[in-house]
Amino acid sequence: MKNRIKVARAENNWSQADLAERIGVSRQTINSIETGRYVPSTILALKMAQEFGKPVEELFMLEEGE
């Protein structure tokens, strides 16, 4: 799954730690999501979308074949 979390963070001038604190996870979790090593739960993806004020589909996209 591809994501635009790093781009969305940059648009808001947030660090990984800033986003992590806002949604109640560790900075390492944000890093793992951004690098594609971890696919967030539906609840976590929705929390991120809500925090950014964007639809979840704008932040997370399925890759071909998924």
N, C-alpha and C. Protein backbone atom coordinates (compact mmCIF):
# COMPACT_ATOMS: atom_id res chain seq x y z
N MET A 1 0.84 -1.18 0.00
CA MET A 1 0.00 0.00 0.00
C MET A 1 0.89 1.24 0.00
N LYS A 2 0.59 2.13 -0.92
CA LYS A 2 1.32 3.41 -0.96
C LYS A 2 0.62 4.41 -0.04
N ASN A 3 1.38 5.40 0.40
CA ASN A 3 0.75 6.44 1.22
C ASN A 3 1.43 7.78 0.98
N ARG A 4 0.72 8.83 1.37
CA ARG A 4 1.21 10.20 1.22
C ARG A 4 1.38 10.87 2.58
N ILE A 5 1.66 10.09 3.60
CA ILE A 5 1.76 10.63 4.96
C ILE A 5 2.91 11.63 5.07
N LYS A 6 4.06 11.29 4.51
CA LYS A 6 5.21 12.19 4.59
C LYS A 6 4.89 13.53 3.91
N VAL A 7 4.22 13.47 2.77
CA VAL A 7 3.85 14.69 2.04
C VAL A 7 2.86 15.50 2.88
N ALA A 8 1.86 14.84 3.44
CA ALA A 8 0.86 15.53 4.25
C ALA A 8 1.50 16.17 5.49
N ARG A 9 2.46 15.46 6.09
CA ARG A 9 3.17 16.04 7.23
C ARG A 9 3.92 17.30 6.82
N ALA A 10 4.60 17.23 5.68
CA ALA A 10 5.38 18.38 5.20
C ALA A 10 4.47 19.57 4.93
N GLU A 11 3.29 19.32 4.40
CA GLU A 11 2.34 20.40 4.12
C GLU A 11 1.91 21.11 5.40
N ASN A 12 1.93 20.37 6.52
CA ASN A 12 1.55 20.94 7.81
C ASN A 12 2.74 21.32 8.69
N ASN A 13 3.96 21.13 8.15
CA ASN A 13 5.18 21.40 8.91
C ASN A 13 5.22 20.62 10.22
N TRP A 14 4.80 19.35 10.18
CA TRP A 14 4.81 18.48 11.35
C TRP A 14 5.96 17.50 11.22
N SER A 15 6.61 17.20 12.33
CA SER A 15 7.60 16.13 12.37
C SER A 15 6.86 14.80 12.57
N GLN A 16 7.60 13.71 12.44
CA GLN A 16 7.00 12.41 12.73
C GLN A 16 6.54 12.38 14.18
N ALA A 17 7.31 12.97 15.07
CA ALA A 17 6.95 12.99 16.49
C ALA A 17 5.67 13.80 16.72
N ASP A 18 5.51 14.91 15.99
CA ASP A 18 4.30 15.73 16.12
C ASP A 18 3.06 14.91 15.76
N LEU A 19 3.12 14.24 14.61
CA LEU A 19 1.97 13.44 14.17
C LEU A 19 1.72 12.29 15.13
N ALA A 20 2.78 11.63 15.56
CA ALA A 20 2.64 10.52 16.48
C ALA A 20 1.92 10.94 17.76
N GLU A 21 2.31 12.08 18.30
CA GLU A 21 1.68 12.58 19.53
C GLU A 21 0.20 12.89 19.29
N ARG A 22 -0.11 13.47 18.15
CA ARG A 22 -1.49 13.85 17.84
C ARG A 22 -2.42 12.65 17.75
N ILE A 23 -1.90 11.50 17.29
CA ILE A 23 -2.78 10.34 17.11
C ILE A 23 -2.52 9.22 18.11
N GLY A 24 -1.56 9.43 19.01
CA GLY A 24 -1.35 8.48 20.10
C GLY A 24 -0.56 7.23 19.75
N VAL A 25 0.44 7.38 18.89
CA VAL A 25 1.34 6.27 18.56
C VAL A 25 2.78 6.74 18.71
N SER A 26 3.72 5.84 18.50
CA SER A 26 5.13 6.21 18.60
C SER A 26 5.63 6.82 17.28
N ARG A 27 6.72 7.55 17.37
CA ARG A 27 7.35 8.10 16.17
C ARG A 27 7.79 6.97 15.24
N GLN A 28 8.23 5.86 15.85
CA GLN A 28 8.67 4.71 15.06
C GLN A 28 7.52 4.14 14.23
N THR A 29 6.32 4.17 14.77
CA THR A 29 5.15 3.70 14.03
C THR A 29 4.92 4.56 12.80
N ILE A 30 5.02 5.87 12.96
CA ILE A 30 4.85 6.78 11.82
C ILE A 30 5.92 6.50 10.78
N ASN A 31 7.16 6.32 11.21
CA ASN A 31 8.25 6.02 10.29
C ASN A 31 7.96 4.71 9.54
N SER A 32 7.50 3.69 10.23
CA SER A 32 7.21 2.41 9.59
C SER A 32 6.08 2.51 8.58
N ILE A 33 5.08 3.33 8.88
CA ILE A 33 3.98 3.54 7.94
C ILE A 33 4.50 4.26 6.70
N GLU A 34 5.25 5.33 6.91
CA GLU A 34 5.76 6.12 5.78
C GLU A 34 6.65 5.31 4.85
N THR A 35 7.43 4.40 5.41
CA THR A 35 8.35 3.61 4.59
C THR A 35 7.72 2.33 4.05
N GLY A 36 6.46 2.09 4.39
CA GLY A 36 5.76 0.93 3.85
C GLY A 36 6.04 -0.37 4.57
N ARG A 37 6.72 -0.31 5.71
CA ARG A 37 6.99 -1.53 6.47
C ARG A 37 5.80 -1.96 7.31
N TYR A 38 4.87 -1.05 7.53
CA TYR A 38 3.70 -1.33 8.37
C TYR A 38 2.47 -0.71 7.73
N VAL A 39 1.41 -1.52 7.60
CA VAL A 39 0.13 -1.02 7.09
C VAL A 39 -0.75 -0.75 8.31
N PRO A 40 -1.21 0.48 8.48
CA PRO A 40 -1.99 0.81 9.68
C PRO A 40 -3.36 0.14 9.68
N SER A 41 -3.89 -0.03 10.87
CA SER A 41 -5.25 -0.53 11.02
C SER A 41 -6.22 0.49 10.44
N THR A 42 -7.42 0.07 10.21
CA THR A 42 -8.45 0.98 9.70
C THR A 42 -8.64 2.15 10.65
N ILE A 43 -8.68 1.87 11.93
CA ILE A 43 -8.88 2.92 12.93
C ILE A 43 -7.74 3.93 12.88
N LEU A 44 -6.51 3.44 12.80
CA LEU A 44 -5.35 4.34 12.77
C LEU A 44 -5.35 5.17 11.47
N ALA A 45 -5.68 4.54 10.36
CA ALA A 45 -5.74 5.27 9.08
C ALA A 45 -6.81 6.36 9.14
N LEU A 46 -7.94 6.06 9.75
CA LEU A 46 -9.01 7.06 9.89
C LEU A 46 -8.60 8.19 10.82
N LYS A 47 -7.88 7.87 11.90
CA LYS A 47 -7.38 8.92 12.81
C LYS A 47 -6.43 9.85 12.07
N MET A 48 -5.55 9.28 11.25
CA MET A 48 -4.60 10.09 10.50
C MET A 48 -5.35 10.99 9.52
N ALA A 49 -6.30 10.43 8.80
CA ALA A 49 -7.08 11.21 7.84
C ALA A 49 -7.81 12.35 8.54
N GLN A 50 -8.39 12.06 9.68
CA GLN A 50 -9.10 13.09 10.44
C GLN A 50 -8.15 14.19 10.89
N GLU A 51 -6.98 13.81 11.36
CA GLU A 51 -6.00 14.79 11.83
C GLU A 51 -5.54 15.71 10.70
N PHE A 52 -5.38 15.14 9.50
CA PHE A 52 -4.98 15.94 8.35
C PHE A 52 -6.16 16.66 7.68
N GLY A 53 -7.38 16.28 8.04
CA GLY A 53 -8.56 16.89 7.41
C GLY A 53 -8.71 16.48 5.95
N LYS A 54 -8.32 15.24 5.65
CA LYS A 54 -8.37 14.73 4.29
C LYS A 54 -9.09 13.39 4.28
N PRO A 55 -9.67 13.02 3.14
CA PRO A 55 -10.26 11.67 3.05
C PRO A 55 -9.15 10.61 3.10
N VAL A 56 -9.45 9.49 3.69
CA VAL A 56 -8.44 8.43 3.84
C VAL A 56 -7.89 8.01 2.47
N GLU A 57 -8.72 8.07 1.43
CA GLU A 57 -8.28 7.68 0.09
C GLU A 57 -7.23 8.62 -0.48
N GLU A 58 -7.15 9.82 0.08
CA GLU A 58 -6.13 10.78 -0.38
C GLU A 58 -4.78 10.48 0.27
N LEU A 59 -4.79 9.80 1.39
CA LEU A 59 -3.56 9.47 2.11
C LEU A 59 -3.03 8.08 1.81
N PHE A 60 -3.94 7.13 1.57
CA PHE A 60 -3.56 5.73 1.35
C PHE A 60 -4.14 5.24 0.03
N MET A 61 -3.28 4.59 -0.78
CA MET A 61 -3.71 4.07 -2.07
C MET A 61 -3.23 2.63 -2.23
N LEU A 62 -4.11 1.78 -2.75
CA LEU A 62 -3.71 0.40 -3.05
C LEU A 62 -2.78 0.41 -4.26
N GLU A 63 -1.81 -0.45 -4.23
CA GLU A 63 -0.92 -0.60 -5.39
C GLU A 63 -1.53 -1.67 -6.29
N GLU A 64 -1.16 -1.64 -7.54
CA GLU A 64 -1.68 -2.61 -8.48
C GLU A 64 -1.37 -4.02 -7.99
N GLY A 65 -2.38 -4.88 -8.05
CA GLY A 65 -2.21 -6.25 -7.60
C GLY A 65 -2.57 -6.49 -6.14
N GLU A 66 -2.88 -5.45 -5.40
CA GLU A 66 -3.25 -5.62 -3.99
C GLU A 66 -4.74 -5.89 -3.88
